[in-house]
N, C-alpha and C. Protein backbone atom coordinates (compact mmCIF):
# COMPACT_ATOMS: atom_id res chain seq x y z
N MET A 1 21.56 14.33 -11.76
CA MET A 1 22.83 14.17 -11.09
C MET A 1 22.24 13.74 -9.61
N GLY A 2 21.67 12.65 -9.45
CA GLY A 2 21.12 12.18 -8.16
C GLY A 2 22.04 11.55 -7.28
N LEU A 3 23.24 12.17 -6.97
CA LEU A 3 24.29 11.62 -6.20
C LEU A 3 23.71 11.20 -4.59
N PHE A 4 23.17 12.22 -4.28
CA PHE A 4 22.71 12.39 -2.70
C PHE A 4 21.18 12.06 -2.52
N THR A 5 20.47 12.29 -3.37
CA THR A 5 18.91 12.17 -3.38
C THR A 5 18.50 11.00 -3.97
N MET A 6 17.49 10.56 -3.51
CA MET A 6 16.57 9.49 -4.19
C MET A 6 15.27 10.10 -4.46
N ARG A 7 14.82 10.05 -5.85
CA ARG A 7 13.77 10.67 -6.31
C ARG A 7 12.56 9.77 -5.61
N THR A 8 11.58 10.58 -5.19
CA THR A 8 10.32 9.85 -4.68
C THR A 8 9.28 10.22 -5.85
N PRO A 9 8.39 9.07 -6.03
CA PRO A 9 7.36 9.36 -6.84
C PRO A 9 6.43 10.51 -6.40
N ARG A 10 5.57 11.16 -7.30
CA ARG A 10 4.52 12.03 -6.54
C ARG A 10 3.46 11.40 -5.87
N LYS A 11 3.03 11.86 -5.03
CA LYS A 11 2.06 11.51 -4.29
C LYS A 11 0.45 11.77 -4.83
N PHE A 12 -0.45 10.73 -4.72
CA PHE A 12 -1.68 10.94 -5.18
C PHE A 12 -2.46 11.88 -4.42
N GLU A 13 -2.88 13.05 -5.07
CA GLU A 13 -3.64 14.15 -4.39
C GLU A 13 -4.99 14.34 -4.99
N HIS A 14 -6.16 13.84 -4.45
CA HIS A 14 -7.27 13.97 -5.08
C HIS A 14 -8.12 15.13 -4.53
N LYS A 15 -8.42 16.33 -5.36
CA LYS A 15 -9.19 17.44 -4.92
C LYS A 15 -10.60 17.11 -5.42
N TYR A 16 -11.55 17.30 -4.40
CA TYR A 16 -12.81 17.07 -4.82
C TYR A 16 -13.46 18.57 -5.48
N ILE A 17 -14.22 18.38 -6.35
CA ILE A 17 -14.76 19.41 -7.14
C ILE A 17 -15.91 20.25 -6.14
N TYR A 18 -16.77 19.59 -5.79
CA TYR A 18 -18.01 20.00 -4.96
C TYR A 18 -17.60 19.79 -3.24
N TYR A 19 -16.86 20.41 -2.91
CA TYR A 19 -16.62 20.22 -1.72
C TYR A 19 -16.39 21.34 -0.86
N ASP A 20 -17.28 21.57 0.35
CA ASP A 20 -17.63 22.66 1.02
C ASP A 20 -16.89 22.42 2.45
N GLU A 21 -15.72 23.18 2.46
CA GLU A 21 -14.85 22.87 3.73
C GLU A 21 -15.63 23.93 4.96
N ARG A 22 -16.64 24.82 4.74
CA ARG A 22 -17.25 25.57 5.63
C ARG A 22 -18.26 24.56 6.10
N LYS A 23 -18.87 23.98 5.48
CA LYS A 23 -19.95 23.03 5.94
C LYS A 23 -19.40 22.01 6.86
N GLU A 24 -18.18 21.27 6.52
CA GLU A 24 -17.60 20.29 7.16
C GLU A 24 -17.35 20.98 8.45
N LYS A 25 -16.47 22.14 8.42
CA LYS A 25 -16.24 22.83 9.90
C LYS A 25 -17.30 22.98 10.80
N LEU A 26 -18.44 23.55 10.18
CA LEU A 26 -19.74 23.82 11.01
C LEU A 26 -20.30 22.33 11.45
N SER A 27 -20.10 21.39 10.87
CA SER A 27 -20.60 20.04 11.41
C SER A 27 -19.63 19.52 12.58
N LYS A 28 -18.31 19.75 12.39
CA LYS A 28 -17.32 19.29 13.30
C LYS A 28 -17.89 19.97 14.69
N ILE A 29 -18.07 21.62 14.38
CA ILE A 29 -18.24 22.28 15.69
C ILE A 29 -19.64 21.71 16.38
N GLU A 30 -20.65 21.49 15.59
CA GLU A 30 -21.80 20.98 16.12
C GLU A 30 -21.59 19.70 16.84
N GLU A 31 -21.03 18.85 16.30
CA GLU A 31 -20.78 17.29 16.68
C GLU A 31 -19.97 17.71 18.18
N LYS A 32 -18.98 18.47 18.10
CA LYS A 32 -18.33 18.72 19.38
C LYS A 32 -19.26 19.49 20.59
N ALA A 33 -20.18 20.24 20.02
CA ALA A 33 -21.01 20.91 21.11
C ALA A 33 -22.04 19.84 21.49
N LYS A 34 -22.52 18.94 20.52
CA LYS A 34 -23.62 18.03 21.10
C LYS A 34 -22.71 16.82 22.02
N ARG A 35 -21.29 16.52 21.89
CA ARG A 35 -20.60 15.80 22.70
C ARG A 35 -20.48 16.58 24.29
N ASP A 36 -20.26 17.71 24.06
CA ASP A 36 -20.04 18.48 25.45
C ASP A 36 -21.47 18.42 25.98
N LEU A 37 -22.42 18.70 25.39
CA LEU A 37 -23.67 18.64 26.28
C LEU A 37 -24.18 17.31 26.61
N GLY A 38 -23.78 16.24 26.15
CA GLY A 38 -24.03 14.91 26.53
C GLY A 38 -24.83 14.09 25.56
N MET A 39 -25.21 14.77 24.52
CA MET A 39 -26.38 14.31 23.54
C MET A 39 -25.75 13.01 22.92
N LEU A 40 -24.22 13.09 22.74
CA LEU A 40 -23.50 11.92 21.90
C LEU A 40 -22.62 11.32 22.92
N PRO A 41 -22.41 10.14 22.72
CA PRO A 41 -21.26 9.50 23.40
C PRO A 41 -19.94 9.94 23.02
N ASP A 42 -18.98 9.91 24.05
CA ASP A 42 -17.68 10.31 23.82
C ASP A 42 -16.99 9.53 22.79
N GLU A 43 -16.14 10.17 22.02
CA GLU A 43 -15.18 9.41 20.97
C GLU A 43 -14.23 8.45 21.68
N PRO A 44 -13.93 7.53 21.18
CA PRO A 44 -12.79 6.50 21.77
C PRO A 44 -11.57 7.23 21.42
N TYR A 45 -10.72 6.98 22.35
CA TYR A 45 -9.38 7.41 22.22
C TYR A 45 -8.75 6.96 20.90
N ASN A 46 -8.06 8.01 20.27
CA ASN A 46 -7.53 7.52 19.12
C ASN A 46 -5.94 8.30 19.12
N PRO A 47 -4.88 7.62 19.27
CA PRO A 47 -3.56 8.09 19.24
C PRO A 47 -3.19 8.90 18.18
N GLU A 48 -3.91 8.66 16.81
CA GLU A 48 -3.41 9.34 15.67
C GLU A 48 -4.14 10.75 15.72
N ALA A 49 -4.93 11.15 16.48
CA ALA A 49 -5.70 12.31 16.45
C ALA A 49 -4.50 13.32 17.10
N ILE A 50 -3.68 12.93 17.80
CA ILE A 50 -2.85 14.12 18.34
C ILE A 50 -1.71 14.31 17.39
N ARG A 51 -1.46 13.54 16.31
CA ARG A 51 -0.23 13.80 15.21
C ARG A 51 -0.32 15.20 14.82
N GLY A 52 0.71 15.88 14.94
CA GLY A 52 0.98 17.11 14.41
C GLY A 52 0.53 18.24 15.13
N LYS A 53 -0.27 18.25 16.42
CA LYS A 53 -0.89 19.25 17.17
C LYS A 53 0.43 20.16 17.79
N PHE A 54 1.58 19.72 18.09
CA PHE A 54 2.61 20.40 18.52
C PHE A 54 3.07 21.30 17.45
N VAL A 55 3.11 20.89 16.19
CA VAL A 55 3.80 21.51 15.02
C VAL A 55 2.61 22.78 14.67
N GLU A 56 1.44 22.47 14.78
CA GLU A 56 0.30 23.38 14.56
C GLU A 56 0.35 24.62 15.57
N SER A 57 0.79 24.26 16.80
CA SER A 57 0.61 25.29 17.83
C SER A 57 2.00 26.25 17.98
N THR A 58 2.78 25.78 17.38
CA THR A 58 4.09 26.85 17.49
C THR A 58 4.24 27.55 15.99
N LYS A 59 4.47 28.80 16.07
CA LYS A 59 4.65 29.39 14.98
C LYS A 59 5.85 29.22 14.23
N HIS A 60 7.02 28.92 14.83
CA HIS A 60 8.34 28.78 13.83
C HIS A 60 8.31 27.18 13.17
N LEU A 61 7.59 26.32 13.85
CA LEU A 61 7.64 25.12 13.35
C LEU A 61 6.49 25.06 12.23
N LYS A 62 5.33 25.68 12.43
CA LYS A 62 4.43 25.80 11.28
C LYS A 62 5.03 26.56 10.08
N ARG A 63 5.78 27.50 10.30
CA ARG A 63 6.32 28.11 9.27
C ARG A 63 7.52 27.30 8.44
N LYS A 64 8.30 26.53 9.24
CA LYS A 64 9.07 25.68 8.52
C LYS A 64 8.61 24.51 7.64
N LYS A 65 7.19 23.97 8.34
CA LYS A 65 6.46 22.93 7.55
C LYS A 65 5.87 23.46 6.24
N GLU A 66 5.37 24.61 6.32
CA GLU A 66 4.76 25.24 5.34
C GLU A 66 5.79 25.68 4.26
N SER A 67 7.15 25.96 4.46
CA SER A 67 7.94 26.30 3.57
C SER A 67 8.94 25.05 2.96
N GLY A 68 8.77 23.82 3.57
CA GLY A 68 9.29 22.82 3.02
C GLY A 68 10.58 22.15 3.77
N GLY A 69 11.01 22.62 4.77
CA GLY A 69 11.94 22.43 5.52
C GLY A 69 13.37 23.15 5.23
N ALA A 70 14.37 22.12 4.97
CA ALA A 70 15.74 22.84 4.88
C ALA A 70 15.77 23.74 3.67
N SER A 71 16.60 24.87 3.60
CA SER A 71 16.60 25.66 2.72
C SER A 71 17.96 25.44 2.10
N ILE A 72 19.02 24.86 2.44
CA ILE A 72 20.19 24.60 1.65
C ILE A 72 20.04 23.05 1.08
N SER A 73 20.36 23.02 -0.17
CA SER A 73 20.23 21.70 -0.83
C SER A 73 21.62 20.74 -0.55
N PRO A 74 21.58 19.45 -0.57
CA PRO A 74 22.76 18.90 -0.17
C PRO A 74 23.92 19.10 -1.12
N LYS A 75 23.60 19.45 -2.32
CA LYS A 75 24.87 19.68 -3.30
C LYS A 75 25.47 20.98 -2.83
N VAL A 76 24.68 22.15 -2.37
CA VAL A 76 25.30 23.27 -2.02
C VAL A 76 26.19 22.98 -0.89
N SER A 77 25.67 22.19 0.27
CA SER A 77 26.18 22.08 1.16
C SER A 77 27.53 21.35 1.07
N VAL A 78 27.78 20.46 -0.05
CA VAL A 78 28.99 19.58 -0.15
C VAL A 78 29.91 20.68 -0.74
N VAL A 79 29.60 21.52 -1.70
CA VAL A 79 30.54 22.48 -2.35
C VAL A 79 30.77 23.43 -1.14
N LEU A 80 30.09 23.87 -0.45
CA LEU A 80 30.49 24.78 0.86
C LEU A 80 31.55 24.21 1.67
N ILE A 81 31.37 22.86 1.91
CA ILE A 81 32.35 22.28 2.97
C ILE A 81 33.61 22.08 2.01
N VAL A 82 33.80 21.80 0.79
CA VAL A 82 34.93 21.67 -0.04
C VAL A 82 35.68 23.15 -0.08
N VAL A 83 34.91 24.10 -0.20
CA VAL A 83 35.66 25.44 -0.10
C VAL A 83 36.10 25.70 1.27
N LEU A 84 35.31 25.35 2.21
CA LEU A 84 35.92 25.85 3.54
C LEU A 84 37.03 24.93 3.92
N LEU A 85 37.27 23.75 3.51
CA LEU A 85 38.26 22.91 3.50
C LEU A 85 39.59 23.30 3.01
N LEU A 86 39.28 23.94 1.65
CA LEU A 86 40.50 24.81 0.83
C LEU A 86 41.08 25.80 1.73
N VAL A 87 40.00 26.56 2.13
CA VAL A 87 40.42 27.85 3.07
C VAL A 87 40.94 27.39 4.18
N LEU A 88 40.75 26.28 4.94
CA LEU A 88 41.54 25.95 6.07
C LEU A 88 42.79 25.37 5.65
N TYR A 89 42.96 24.62 4.61
CA TYR A 89 44.38 24.38 3.96
C TYR A 89 45.31 25.57 3.73
N TYR A 90 44.57 26.62 3.18
CA TYR A 90 45.42 27.75 2.99
C TYR A 90 46.04 28.38 4.23
N LEU A 91 45.08 28.45 5.19
CA LEU A 91 45.47 29.04 6.50
C LEU A 91 46.42 28.42 7.30
N ILE A 92 46.40 26.88 7.21
CA ILE A 92 47.33 26.17 7.79
C ILE A 92 48.63 26.12 7.16
N ASN A 93 48.76 26.06 5.93
CA ASN A 93 49.99 25.94 5.13
C ASN A 93 50.53 27.45 4.56
N GLY A 94 49.66 28.24 4.54
CA GLY A 94 50.29 29.44 4.01
C GLY A 94 50.36 29.61 2.32
N HIS A 95 50.05 28.66 1.65
CA HIS A 95 49.98 28.66 0.29
C HIS A 95 49.06 27.80 -0.38
N TRP A 96 48.65 27.95 -1.74
CA TRP A 96 47.65 27.06 -2.20
C TRP A 96 48.53 26.01 -2.76
N PHE A 97 47.94 25.01 -3.52
CA PHE A 97 48.42 23.70 -3.60
C PHE A 97 49.57 23.89 -4.42
N GLY A 98 49.44 24.27 -5.88
CA GLY A 98 50.48 24.19 -6.81
C GLY A 98 51.20 25.60 -7.06
N LEU A 99 50.87 26.49 -6.24
CA LEU A 99 51.33 27.91 -6.54
C LEU A 99 52.33 28.28 -5.70
């Protein structure tokens, strides 16, 4: 029942078998230290390098990104709105539809 959502295809995710994350972190730290000491030229400005830095620095946004965003599905929200409209109708008129 895809009334409100469009299904998107799964994204390609390739995980390397022989990948050492620790080694890459060490090489980045080493490169940064060499740049600070002046052994390597400065990196050119890249606006894409700052993408997502604000989300990484705040706890609540990081938690929201890790959890996947919204917790209520659109179908549940539509049902909740209909129920609230029915309760509002009862409060205004004092009786249900056919009762």
